[in-house]
Amino acid sequence: MNNSNIKEKILIIDFGGQYNQLIARRVRELNVYSEVKGFENISLKEVLEFEPTGIIFTGGPQSAYGKDAPSIDEKIFEIGVPILGICYGAQLMAHILGGKIDTAPTSEYGHTKTFIKDKNSILNGLDDNTVVWMSHTDCISKVPQGFEITACTENCPVAAMENRNKKLYAVQFHPEVNHTIQGRKILENFVIDICGCSGSWQMGIYADDQIKILREKIGSGKVLCALSGGVDSSVAATLLSKAVGKQLTCVFVDHGLLRKNEAEEVSQVFGPNGKYELNFIMVDAKDRYYEKLKGVTEPEEKRKIIGEEFIRIFEEEAKKIGAVDYLVQGTIYPDVIESGLGKSAVIKSHHNVGGLPDYVDFKEIVEPLRMLFKDEVRNLGRELDLPEYIVSRQPFPGPGLAIRIIGEVNADKVKIVQDADAIYREEIGKAGLDKEISQYFAALTNMRSVGVMGDFRTYDYAIALRAVKTSDFMTAEAYDIPWEVLQRIMNRIVNEVDHVNRVVYDITSKPPGTIEFE
């Protein structure tokens, strides 16, 4: 992305911290643009070219005084831009500028009571005693010349320090995590008050800028997009449509493993009768997939078949179109960061369905969402006037319902889980829980059991319901759906969905379970 037209931006330099994404998110929640760059991938010259309004150093797992410890050009402290060091970033600042780092007599992990000594700057507005999240074995034992200690704990003499004259600030704790009770206030003090950002970065402005950038980049070129119907690919396609219109061709493969009415919904939005200017190709490949999946029960084999078949179909359609100049990929910022900060300009297998072929005839990849987090992608979709049922669509795996059907996949089983899932989603929406639950869906087990329907005994399938609450999808807890809502969902499923006589609710957390079933 060309960010030169963004006037206020915070550069986050990553030293291997586990919360690097979270820092960027917290800054953007203040309506200020931010980017994360790995310390090894950015020189002082590139820092100056970025023209940051402020800089944040992240945490990291190493000791700042170690032989191969991540570091930065010390001249960065002389460029006059406010810098905030967090955890390892604080220790690195102290180490480079002449302070002293030692192994802490007592390591601090978790919630820690902190005593505020000076509230005149970055700690303005905090309580005298506040709870922060610590995670360190080293500590700053001596601050550099010109620095003042502004906070401490019982075991950490320098929980925060600053040199206001040089606009350098450091905290040993993590203000970006929710466990630091007043962490948002600290970041707001730095970004808004110290760096002087106005907090005016808005998605509408971003959308207009991106459309102009894409239009200029693509010119008269042809663009190809694999449209899955998910949020990311739908927003990317819409953005390209606004930029280049009929120069864009979207290929949508209906593999017969989508949610109920999903193929129709996507076709309604992007097809010939939709309001977006683009070329839309829909491939009905249901029978082709069902044939390939016949007799297959092993989850990874299902995934492999579905991914490979998608590539074959996409190649076939791409050949019909002929040479294209650009291939659209729905990469979003967490993908970029997790792939190594700046090393993600390749097609990754977790995008679309099982990955895209790397030898389709195109010159360059276009990733219009690569600097946005998921919630920002949704907001961009709203700015582009995408229907809410597309924008707020639940996360959905590339292999689709194949991994929500335990055992062999066929058209009859797909219909069962589609109908049950549609009822589940409808009732969760009616109960007002759709914005509370991070992910929820129905799955078809391979368990059949005896039941009673009217005066008859049945021997039919059990549907499993799954609902989790998570902030990062790395760990998750089962959501506590009210009993009366579960009862209503169960009654509707067993009465309205053929071949189902039992409904169970999965309360397993992640770990030990996964969010999906297969």
Protein backbone atom coordinates (compact mmCIF):
# COMPACT_ATOMS: atom_id res chain seq x y z
CA MET A 1 0.00 0.00 0.00
CA ASN A 2 1.15 3.53 -0.75
CA ASN A 3 0.87 5.32 2.59
CA SER A 4 2.51 8.60 1.54
CA ASN A 5 -0.87 10.36 1.45
CA ILE A 6 -1.57 9.56 5.11
CA LYS A 7 -0.35 12.52 7.13
CA GLU A 8 -0.51 11.07 10.64
CA LYS A 9 0.90 7.60 11.20
CA ILE A 10 2.54 5.64 13.97
CA LEU A 11 5.42 3.32 13.07
CA ILE A 12 5.59 0.21 15.24
CA ILE A 13 9.01 -1.44 15.17
CA ASP A 14 8.75 -5.08 16.15
CA PHE A 15 11.48 -6.83 18.14
CA GLY A 16 9.74 -10.20 18.21
CA GLY A 17 6.94 -9.28 20.58
CA GLN A 18 3.85 -11.46 20.87
CA TYR A 19 1.57 -8.41 21.05
CA ASN A 20 2.76 -6.56 17.91
CA GLN A 21 -0.62 -6.89 16.20
CA LEU A 22 -2.38 -5.74 19.32
CA ILE A 23 -0.34 -2.54 19.54
CA ALA A 24 -1.25 -1.69 15.95
CA ARG A 25 -4.91 -2.38 16.65
CA ARG A 26 -4.93 -0.21 19.75
CA VAL A 27 -3.44 2.71 17.81
CA ARG A 28 -6.00 2.33 15.03
CA GLU A 29 -8.78 2.26 17.61
CA LEU A 30 -7.70 5.84 18.30
CA ASN A 31 -8.41 6.57 14.61
CA VAL A 32 -4.72 6.92 13.83
CA TYR A 33 -3.06 4.86 11.10
CA SER A 34 -0.26 2.49 12.16
CA GLU A 35 2.05 -0.04 10.54
CA VAL A 36 4.27 -2.76 11.99
CA LYS A 37 7.78 -3.22 10.59
CA GLY A 38 10.32 -5.80 11.74
CA PHE A 39 13.50 -4.27 13.17
CA GLU A 40 15.59 -6.24 10.69
CA ASN A 41 13.56 -4.96 7.73
CA ILE A 42 13.73 -1.21 8.29
CA SER A 43 16.75 1.08 8.15
CA LEU A 44 17.01 4.58 9.57
CA LYS A 45 16.64 5.90 6.01
CA GLU A 46 13.40 3.94 5.61
CA VAL A 47 12.15 5.20 8.97
CA LEU A 48 12.66 8.79 7.76
CA GLU A 49 10.99 7.99 4.41
CA PHE A 50 7.97 6.62 6.28
CA GLU A 51 7.64 10.04 7.94
CA PRO A 52 6.16 8.76 11.21
CA THR A 53 4.32 11.04 13.60
CA GLY A 54 5.45 8.75 16.40
CA ILE A 55 7.32 5.46 16.88
CA ILE A 56 6.59 2.54 19.22
CA PHE A 57 9.11 -0.22 20.04
CA THR A 58 7.44 -3.55 20.86
CA GLY A 59 8.36 -6.15 23.43
CA GLY A 60 10.51 -9.16 22.62
CA PRO A 61 11.77 -12.39 24.18
CA GLN A 62 15.51 -11.63 24.39
CA SER A 63 17.79 -9.66 26.72
CA ALA A 64 18.69 -6.21 25.41
CA TYR A 65 22.34 -6.70 26.44
CA GLY A 66 22.64 -10.09 24.73
CA LYS A 67 25.22 -10.63 21.98
CA ASP A 68 22.67 -11.21 19.19
CA ALA A 69 19.84 -9.17 20.70
CA PRO A 70 17.54 -7.33 18.26
CA SER A 71 18.55 -3.69 18.05
CA ILE A 72 18.10 -0.46 16.10
CA ASP A 73 20.26 2.37 14.79
CA GLU A 74 20.87 4.63 17.81
CA LYS A 75 20.47 7.70 15.59
CA ILE A 76 16.72 7.04 15.63
CA PHE A 77 16.66 8.74 19.05
CA GLU A 78 17.96 11.96 17.50
CA ILE A 79 15.39 12.48 14.72
CA GLY A 80 13.00 14.38 16.98
CA VAL A 81 10.04 12.00 16.63
CA PRO A 82 8.40 10.86 19.91
CA ILE A 83 9.29 7.24 20.75
CA LEU A 84 7.56 4.90 23.20
CA GLY A 85 9.39 1.71 24.26
CA ILE A 86 7.30 -1.16 25.61
CA CYS A 87 8.86 -3.95 27.73
CA TYR A 88 11.89 -5.09 25.66
CA GLY A 89 11.55 -1.82 23.74
CA ALA A 90 11.94 0.07 27.02
CA GLN A 91 15.01 -1.95 27.99
CA LEU A 92 16.55 -1.51 24.54
CA MET A 93 16.07 2.26 24.77
CA ALA A 94 17.76 2.31 28.16
CA HIS A 95 20.59 0.03 27.00
CA ILE A 96 21.43 2.02 23.85
CA LEU A 97 21.29 5.38 25.63
CA GLY A 98 23.64 4.42 28.45
CA GLY A 99 21.38 2.96 31.10
CA LYS A 100 21.83 -0.45 32.70
CA ILE A 101 19.82 -3.66 32.30
CA ASP A 102 20.10 -6.53 34.77
CA THR A 103 18.33 -9.78 35.46
CA ALA A 104 15.51 -8.84 37.79
CA PRO A 105 15.83 -10.13 41.39
CA THR A 106 12.18 -11.17 41.05
CA SER A 107 10.59 -11.79 37.66
CA GLU A 108 7.18 -10.25 37.17
CA TYR A 109 4.41 -12.00 35.25
CA GLY A 110 0.74 -11.11 35.14
CA HIS A 111 -1.30 -8.52 37.00
CA THR A 112 1.01 -6.22 38.95
CA LYS A 113 0.22 -3.26 41.19
CA THR A 114 2.12 -0.20 39.98
CA PHE A 115 2.80 3.08 41.75
CA ILE A 116 2.66 6.25 39.63
CA LYS A 117 5.22 8.90 40.59
CA ASP A 118 4.67 11.51 37.87
CA LYS A 119 1.42 12.16 36.01
CA ASN A 120 2.55 15.17 33.98
CA SER A 121 3.09 13.38 30.68
CA ILE A 122 2.44 9.89 29.32
CA LEU A 123 0.92 8.74 32.62
CA ASN A 124 -1.45 11.70 32.79
CA GLY A 125 -4.89 10.81 34.13
CA LEU A 126 -3.87 7.48 35.72
CA ASP A 127 -4.71 6.49 39.28
CA ASP A 128 -1.94 6.77 41.88
CA ASN A 129 -1.94 2.97 42.10
CA THR A 130 -2.96 1.04 39.00
CA VAL A 131 -2.81 -2.57 37.80
CA VAL A 132 -0.66 -3.37 34.76
CA TRP A 133 0.34 -6.51 32.88
CA MET A 134 3.99 -7.43 33.37
CA SER A 135 5.96 -10.12 31.54
CA HIS A 136 9.71 -9.78 32.07
CA THR A 137 12.79 -11.38 33.64
CA ASP A 138 15.15 -8.42 33.04
CA CYS A 139 14.68 -4.92 34.37
CA ILE A 140 16.13 -1.43 33.99
CA SER A 141 18.40 -1.01 37.01
CA LYS A 142 19.78 2.41 36.00
CA VAL A 143 18.08 4.95 33.72
CA PRO A 144 20.06 6.82 31.05
CA GLN A 145 21.16 10.39 31.65
CA GLY A 146 18.30 12.86 31.24
CA PHE A 147 15.57 10.31 32.11
CA GLU A 148 13.24 10.43 35.10
CA ILE A 149 11.56 7.44 36.74
CA THR A 150 7.80 7.94 36.56
CA ALA A 151 6.46 4.61 37.90
CA CYS A 152 7.63 1.60 39.87
CA THR A 153 6.38 -1.63 41.41
CA GLU A 154 7.44 -3.43 44.59
CA ASN A 155 9.97 -5.47 42.60
CA CYS A 156 10.68 -3.27 39.57
CA PRO A 157 12.39 0.07 40.29
CA VAL A 158 11.71 1.40 36.79
CA ALA A 159 8.20 0.50 35.64
CA ALA A 160 8.19 3.68 33.51
CA MET A 161 10.71 6.37 32.59
CA GLU A 162 10.85 9.37 30.27
CA ASN A 163 13.02 12.10 28.83
CA ARG A 164 10.51 14.79 27.91
CA ASN A 165 13.07 17.07 26.30
CA LYS A 166 13.89 14.38 23.73
CA LYS A 167 10.30 13.01 23.63
CA LEU A 168 11.44 9.54 24.70
CA TYR A 169 9.13 7.40 26.85
CA ALA A 170 9.31 3.84 28.13
CA VAL A 171 7.11 1.46 30.11
CA GLN A 172 8.18 -1.95 31.38
CA PHE A 173 4.61 -3.26 31.23
CA HIS A 174 2.22 -3.84 28.31
CA PRO A 175 -0.35 -1.02 27.92
CA GLU A 176 -1.78 -2.67 24.80
CA VAL A 177 -3.35 -5.64 26.62
CA ASN A 178 -6.70 -5.39 28.38
CA HIS A 179 -5.14 -6.63 31.64
CA THR A 180 -3.43 -3.23 31.98
CA ILE A 181 -6.48 -1.45 33.39
CA GLN A 182 -5.61 2.05 32.11
CA GLY A 183 -3.49 0.96 29.16
CA ARG A 184 -5.68 2.63 26.55
CA LYS A 185 -5.26 5.95 28.36
CA ILE A 186 -1.46 5.60 28.24
CA LEU A 187 -1.49 4.93 24.49
CA GLU A 188 -3.93 7.79 23.96
CA ASN A 189 -1.63 10.11 25.92
CA PHE A 190 1.28 9.12 23.68
CA VAL A 191 -0.46 9.05 20.30
CA ILE A 192 -2.84 12.00 20.68
CA ASP A 193 -1.24 14.30 23.25
CA ILE A 194 2.50 13.72 22.82
CA CYS A 195 2.63 12.90 19.09
CA GLY A 196 -0.13 15.41 18.34
CA CYS A 197 -2.26 13.12 16.16
CA SER A 198 -5.80 14.37 15.55
CA GLY A 199 -7.45 10.94 15.43
CA SER A 200 -9.05 11.72 12.08
CA TRP A 201 -8.14 8.58 10.11
CA GLN A 202 -11.46 7.22 8.82
CA MET A 203 -12.42 4.30 6.62
CA GLY A 204 -14.27 6.49 4.13
CA ILE A 205 -11.11 8.48 3.46
CA TYR A 206 -9.12 5.25 3.24
CA ALA A 207 -11.56 3.81 0.68
CA ASP A 208 -11.33 6.89 -1.57
CA ASP A 209 -7.53 6.88 -1.35
CA GLN A 210 -7.28 3.19 -2.20
CA ILE A 211 -9.58 3.50 -5.20
CA LYS A 212 -7.37 6.26 -6.59
CA ILE A 213 -4.19 4.28 -5.89
CA LEU A 214 -5.58 1.12 -7.54
CA ARG A 215 -6.84 3.04 -10.55
CA GLU A 216 -3.43 4.62 -11.05
CA LYS A 217 -1.54 1.35 -10.55
CA ILE A 218 -3.68 -0.84 -12.81
CA GLY A 219 -4.30 1.64 -15.60
CA SER A 220 -5.89 -0.27 -18.46
CA GLY A 221 -4.75 -3.69 -17.19
CA LYS A 222 -6.94 -6.78 -16.74
CA VAL A 223 -7.60 -8.06 -13.22
CA LEU A 224 -8.64 -11.54 -12.06
CA CYS A 225 -10.16 -12.29 -8.65
CA ALA A 226 -11.06 -15.63 -7.06
CA LEU A 227 -14.26 -14.70 -5.23
CA SER A 228 -15.10 -17.05 -2.36
CA GLY A 229 -18.06 -15.08 -1.02
CA GLY A 230 -16.29 -14.49 2.29
CA VAL A 231 -15.80 -11.03 3.74
CA ASP A 232 -12.21 -10.50 2.58
CA SER A 233 -12.60 -11.53 -1.05
CA SER A 234 -15.97 -9.74 -1.33
CA VAL A 235 -14.57 -6.45 -0.04
CA ALA A 236 -11.47 -6.77 -2.22
CA ALA A 237 -13.61 -7.42 -5.30
CA THR A 238 -15.86 -4.47 -4.52
CA LEU A 239 -12.90 -2.13 -4.07
CA LEU A 240 -11.42 -3.24 -7.42
CA SER A 241 -14.81 -2.86 -9.08
CA LYS A 242 -15.01 0.74 -7.89
CA ALA A 243 -11.49 1.34 -9.20
CA VAL A 244 -11.43 -0.39 -12.60
CA GLY A 245 -14.96 -1.65 -13.36
CA LYS A 246 -15.19 -4.14 -16.21
CA GLN A 247 -11.43 -4.64 -16.25
CA LEU A 248 -12.10 -6.94 -13.29
CA THR A 249 -13.28 -10.53 -13.70
CA CYS A 250 -14.41 -12.46 -10.63
CA VAL A 251 -14.55 -16.25 -10.67
CA PHE A 252 -16.89 -17.77 -8.08
CA VAL A 253 -16.76 -21.56 -7.68
CA ASP A 254 -19.81 -23.16 -6.06
CA HIS A 255 -18.35 -26.41 -4.76
CA GLY A 256 -21.64 -27.43 -3.18
CA LEU A 257 -20.20 -27.02 0.32
CA LEU A 258 -21.41 -23.49 1.02
CA ARG A 259 -23.93 -22.38 3.63
CA LYS A 260 -27.60 -22.36 2.73
CA ASN A 261 -28.43 -19.83 -0.02
CA GLU A 262 -24.86 -18.52 -0.01
CA ALA A 263 -24.24 -19.08 -3.73
CA GLU A 264 -27.47 -17.24 -4.55
CA GLU A 265 -26.54 -14.36 -2.23
CA VAL A 266 -23.10 -13.93 -3.80
CA SER A 267 -24.56 -14.09 -7.30
CA GLN A 268 -27.21 -11.55 -6.36
CA VAL A 269 -24.57 -9.07 -5.17
CA PHE A 270 -21.87 -9.57 -7.81
CA GLY A 271 -23.72 -11.17 -10.74
CA PRO A 272 -25.25 -9.51 -13.84
CA ASN A 273 -28.17 -8.12 -11.83
CA GLY A 274 -25.96 -6.72 -9.08
CA LYS A 275 -24.97 -3.07 -8.71
CA TYR A 276 -21.21 -3.51 -9.13
CA GLU A 277 -19.49 -3.07 -12.46
CA LEU A 278 -17.41 -6.19 -13.10
CA ASN A 279 -17.42 -9.46 -15.03
CA PHE A 280 -18.81 -12.33 -12.95
CA ILE A 281 -18.27 -16.01 -13.73
CA MET A 282 -20.04 -18.58 -11.58
CA VAL A 283 -18.98 -22.20 -11.90
CA ASP A 284 -21.44 -24.82 -10.67
CA ALA A 285 -19.08 -27.61 -9.62
CA LYS A 286 -21.24 -29.34 -7.00
CA ASP A 287 -21.51 -32.70 -8.75
CA ARG A 288 -17.82 -32.63 -9.62
CA TYR A 289 -16.88 -32.18 -5.95
CA TYR A 290 -19.34 -34.75 -4.62
CA GLU A 291 -17.90 -37.30 -7.00
CA LYS A 292 -14.33 -36.52 -5.92
CA LEU A 293 -15.30 -36.76 -2.23
CA LYS A 294 -17.21 -40.04 -2.53
CA GLY A 295 -15.99 -42.52 0.10
CA VAL A 296 -13.49 -40.06 1.62
CA THR A 297 -13.66 -39.75 5.42
CA GLU A 298 -10.20 -38.54 6.50
CA PRO A 299 -10.25 -34.74 7.17
CA GLU A 300 -6.91 -33.85 5.62
CA GLU A 301 -7.69 -35.85 2.50
CA LYS A 302 -10.94 -33.92 2.15
CA ARG A 303 -9.06 -30.63 2.43
CA LYS A 304 -6.49 -31.70 -0.14
CA ILE A 305 -9.12 -32.83 -2.66
CA ILE A 306 -11.15 -29.63 -2.28
CA GLY A 307 -8.08 -27.39 -2.59
CA GLU A 308 -6.67 -29.18 -5.62
CA GLU A 309 -10.01 -29.28 -7.40
CA PHE A 310 -10.45 -25.56 -6.86
CA ILE A 311 -7.07 -24.93 -8.47
CA ARG A 312 -8.01 -27.07 -11.48
CA ILE A 313 -11.31 -25.21 -11.95
CA PHE A 314 -9.69 -21.80 -11.48
CA GLU A 315 -7.03 -22.68 -14.06
CA GLU A 316 -9.68 -23.77 -16.55
CA GLU A 317 -11.56 -20.49 -16.18
CA ALA A 318 -8.37 -18.41 -16.26
CA LYS A 319 -7.39 -19.98 -19.60
CA LYS A 320 -10.75 -18.99 -21.07
CA ILE A 321 -10.17 -15.39 -19.99
CA GLY A 322 -6.64 -15.28 -21.35
CA ALA A 323 -3.66 -13.35 -20.02
CA VAL A 324 -4.35 -11.02 -17.12
CA ASP A 325 -2.11 -8.36 -15.64
CA TYR A 326 -3.08 -8.58 -11.99
CA LEU A 327 -4.34 -11.29 -9.65
CA VAL A 328 -6.33 -10.10 -6.63
CA GLN A 329 -5.62 -11.68 -3.27
CA GLY A 330 -7.65 -11.03 -0.11
CA THR A 331 -4.63 -10.86 2.20
CA ILE A 332 -5.34 -8.90 5.39
CA TYR A 333 -2.89 -7.40 7.88
CA PRO A 334 -2.74 -10.29 10.39
CA ASP A 335 -1.65 -12.53 7.47
CA VAL A 336 1.12 -10.07 6.61
CA ILE A 337 2.36 -9.83 10.19
CA GLU A 338 2.17 -13.58 10.83
CA SER A 339 4.02 -14.29 7.60
CA GLY A 340 7.05 -12.30 8.66
CA LEU A 341 6.32 -8.59 8.17
CA GLY A 342 6.88 -7.70 4.56
CA LYS A 343 7.61 -11.21 3.34
CA SER A 344 4.06 -12.11 2.37
CA ALA A 345 4.01 -11.21 -1.31
CA VAL A 346 3.30 -14.83 -2.21
CA ILE A 347 0.02 -16.66 -2.52
CA LYS A 348 -0.60 -18.44 0.75
CA SER A 349 -2.46 -21.72 0.93
CA HIS A 350 -4.95 -20.52 3.55
CA HIS A 351 -6.49 -17.96 1.20
CA ASN A 352 -9.63 -18.81 -0.75
CA VAL A 353 -10.02 -22.57 -1.08
CA GLY A 354 -6.77 -24.41 -0.58
CA GLY A 355 -4.61 -21.78 -2.28
CA LEU A 356 -4.33 -20.39 -5.78
CA PRO A 357 -2.09 -21.78 -8.52
CA ASP A 358 1.24 -20.00 -8.76
CA TYR A 359 1.47 -20.26 -12.52
CA VAL A 360 -1.66 -18.50 -13.74
CA ASP A 361 -0.58 -16.01 -16.41
CA PHE A 362 -0.40 -12.72 -14.50
CA LYS A 363 2.26 -10.08 -13.88
CA GLU A 364 1.63 -9.02 -10.31
CA ILE A 365 -0.46 -9.68 -7.20
CA VAL A 366 -2.79 -6.94 -5.95
CA GLU A 367 -3.58 -7.04 -2.22
CA PRO A 368 -5.87 -4.08 -1.53
CA LEU A 369 -6.65 -5.12 2.06
CA ARG A 370 -3.16 -6.06 3.20
CA MET A 371 -2.92 -3.20 5.72
CA LEU A 372 -6.34 -3.76 7.35
CA PHE A 373 -7.46 -5.84 10.32
CA LYS A 374 -10.62 -7.96 10.05
CA ASP A 375 -12.90 -5.45 11.75
CA GLU A 376 -11.50 -2.73 9.49
CA VAL A 377 -12.21 -4.87 6.42
CA ARG A 378 -15.82 -5.15 7.58
CA ASN A 379 -16.01 -1.37 8.07
CA LEU A 380 -14.54 -0.84 4.61
CA GLY A 381 -17.23 -3.15 3.21
CA ARG A 382 -19.88 -0.96 4.80
CA GLU A 383 -18.28 2.16 3.30
CA LEU A 384 -18.45 0.45 -0.11
CA ASP A 385 -22.15 -0.27 0.46
CA LEU A 386 -21.86 -4.06 0.59
CA PRO A 387 -24.95 -5.73 2.13
CA GLU A 388 -24.66 -6.32 5.86
CA TYR A 389 -25.20 -10.07 5.46
CA ILE A 390 -21.96 -10.16 3.44
CA VAL A 391 -20.03 -7.72 5.65
CA SER A 392 -20.91 -9.41 8.95
CA ARG A 393 -20.69 -12.96 7.61
CA GLN A 394 -19.35 -15.52 10.06
CA PRO A 395 -15.83 -16.91 9.52
CA PHE A 396 -16.07 -19.83 7.12
CA PRO A 397 -13.35 -22.37 6.28
CA GLY A 398 -12.09 -22.73 2.73
CA PRO A 399 -13.14 -26.39 2.50
CA GLY A 400 -16.60 -25.26 3.58
CA LEU A 401 -19.09 -27.67 5.11
CA ALA A 402 -16.88 -30.64 4.23
CA ILE A 403 -15.05 -30.18 7.53
CA ARG A 404 -18.33 -29.64 9.39
CA ILE A 405 -19.57 -33.04 8.22
CA ILE A 406 -17.87 -35.84 10.10
CA GLY A 407 -17.18 -38.73 7.77
CA GLU A 408 -18.12 -39.02 4.10
CA VAL A 409 -19.59 -35.97 2.33
CA ASN A 410 -22.56 -36.20 -0.01
CA ALA A 411 -25.38 -33.96 -1.21
CA ASP A 412 -27.90 -35.33 1.34
CA LYS A 413 -25.59 -34.64 4.27
CA VAL A 414 -24.78 -31.18 2.96
CA LYS A 415 -28.50 -30.33 2.89
CA ILE A 416 -28.94 -31.53 6.48
CA VAL A 417 -26.13 -29.35 7.85
CA GLN A 418 -27.13 -26.38 5.66
CA ASP A 419 -30.69 -26.44 7.01
CA ALA A 420 -29.61 -26.92 10.63
CA ASP A 421 -26.96 -24.20 10.38
CA ALA A 422 -29.43 -21.73 8.84
CA ILE A 423 -31.86 -22.28 11.74
CA TYR A 424 -29.03 -21.89 14.27
CA ARG A 425 -27.82 -18.63 12.72
CA GLU A 426 -31.35 -17.26 12.46
CA GLU A 427 -32.15 -17.94 16.12
CA ILE A 428 -28.82 -16.56 17.34
CA GLY A 429 -29.60 -13.38 15.41
CA LYS A 430 -33.11 -13.17 16.85
CA ALA A 431 -31.68 -13.53 20.35
CA GLY A 432 -29.29 -10.63 19.68
CA LEU A 433 -26.23 -12.80 20.28
CA ASP A 434 -24.74 -12.62 16.78
CA LYS A 435 -22.44 -9.71 17.69
CA GLU A 436 -21.48 -11.28 21.03
CA ILE A 437 -20.33 -14.68 19.77
CA SER A 438 -17.05 -14.77 17.83
CA GLN A 439 -17.95 -17.83 15.77
CA TYR A 440 -20.89 -20.21 15.76
CA PHE A 441 -22.08 -22.97 13.44
CA ALA A 442 -23.81 -26.33 13.22
CA ALA A 443 -21.99 -29.53 12.31
CA LEU A 444 -23.25 -32.95 11.33
CA THR A 445 -21.82 -35.78 13.41
CA ASN A 446 -21.50 -39.32 12.10
CA MET A 447 -23.37 -40.57 15.17
CA ARG A 448 -26.83 -42.04 14.63
CA SER A 449 -29.06 -42.84 17.56
CA VAL A 450 -32.57 -43.99 18.42
CA GLY A 451 -35.22 -41.35 18.92
CA VAL A 452 -38.99 -40.99 19.08
CA MET A 453 -40.88 -38.78 16.64
CA GLY A 454 -44.63 -38.95 17.19
CA ASP A 455 -45.56 -42.59 17.59
CA PHE A 456 -42.54 -43.87 15.69
CA ARG A 457 -39.03 -44.82 16.65
CA THR A 458 -36.32 -43.17 14.54
CA TYR A 459 -32.67 -43.89 13.90
CA ASP A 460 -31.17 -40.64 12.68
CA TYR A 461 -28.28 -38.19 12.95
CA ALA A 462 -27.18 -35.88 15.75
CA ILE A 463 -26.39 -32.24 15.00
CA ALA A 464 -23.65 -30.61 17.10
CA LEU A 465 -23.80 -26.88 17.80
CA ARG A 466 -20.60 -24.91 18.37
CA ALA A 467 -20.22 -21.33 19.64
CA VAL A 468 -17.06 -19.71 20.96
CA LYS A 469 -15.83 -16.40 22.30
CA THR A 470 -12.28 -15.40 21.36
CA SER A 471 -10.18 -12.30 20.75
CA ASP A 472 -7.52 -13.88 18.54
CA PHE A 473 -8.85 -17.32 17.47
CA MET A 474 -5.66 -18.85 18.93
CA THR A 475 -7.51 -19.75 22.12
CA ALA A 476 -11.28 -19.82 22.66
CA GLU A 477 -13.90 -20.54 25.28
CA ALA A 478 -17.32 -22.04 24.62
CA TYR A 479 -20.01 -19.35 24.69
CA ASP A 480 -22.68 -19.73 27.36
CA ILE A 481 -25.82 -19.55 25.20
CA PRO A 482 -28.93 -19.12 27.36
CA TRP A 483 -30.77 -22.38 27.89
CA GLU A 484 -34.06 -21.12 26.47
CA VAL A 485 -32.29 -20.14 23.22
CA LEU A 486 -30.68 -23.56 22.94
CA GLN A 487 -34.05 -25.20 23.57
CA ARG A 488 -35.67 -23.12 20.83
CA ILE A 489 -32.87 -24.02 18.37
CA MET A 490 -33.12 -27.71 19.26
CA ASN A 491 -36.90 -27.79 18.81
CA ARG A 492 -36.70 -26.16 15.39
CA ILE A 493 -33.88 -28.38 14.13
CA VAL A 494 -35.46 -31.71 15.11
CA ASN A 495 -38.84 -30.62 13.75
CA GLU A 496 -37.74 -28.89 10.55
CA VAL A 497 -34.63 -30.78 9.41
CA ASP A 498 -35.11 -34.25 7.95
CA HIS A 499 -33.03 -37.13 9.34
CA VAL A 500 -32.07 -35.37 12.59
CA ASN A 501 -33.46 -36.52 15.95
CA ARG A 502 -30.86 -35.21 18.38
CA VAL A 503 -29.01 -31.92 19.03
CA VAL A 504 -25.91 -31.61 21.24
CA TYR A 505 -23.95 -28.53 22.34
CA ASP A 506 -20.14 -28.62 22.32
CA ILE A 507 -18.69 -26.88 25.40
CA THR A 508 -15.03 -27.73 24.68
CA SER A 509 -12.55 -24.87 24.88
CA LYS A 510 -9.55 -24.38 22.57
CA PRO A 511 -7.26 -25.97 23.59
CA PRO A 512 -7.76 -28.91 23.96
CA GLY A 513 -10.29 -28.78 21.12
CA THR A 514 -10.22 -26.74 17.92
CA ILE A 515 -12.88 -24.28 16.86
CA GLU A 516 -13.78 -26.29 13.77
CA PHE A 517 -14.56 -30.00 14.03
CA GLU A 518 -12.09 -31.27 11.44
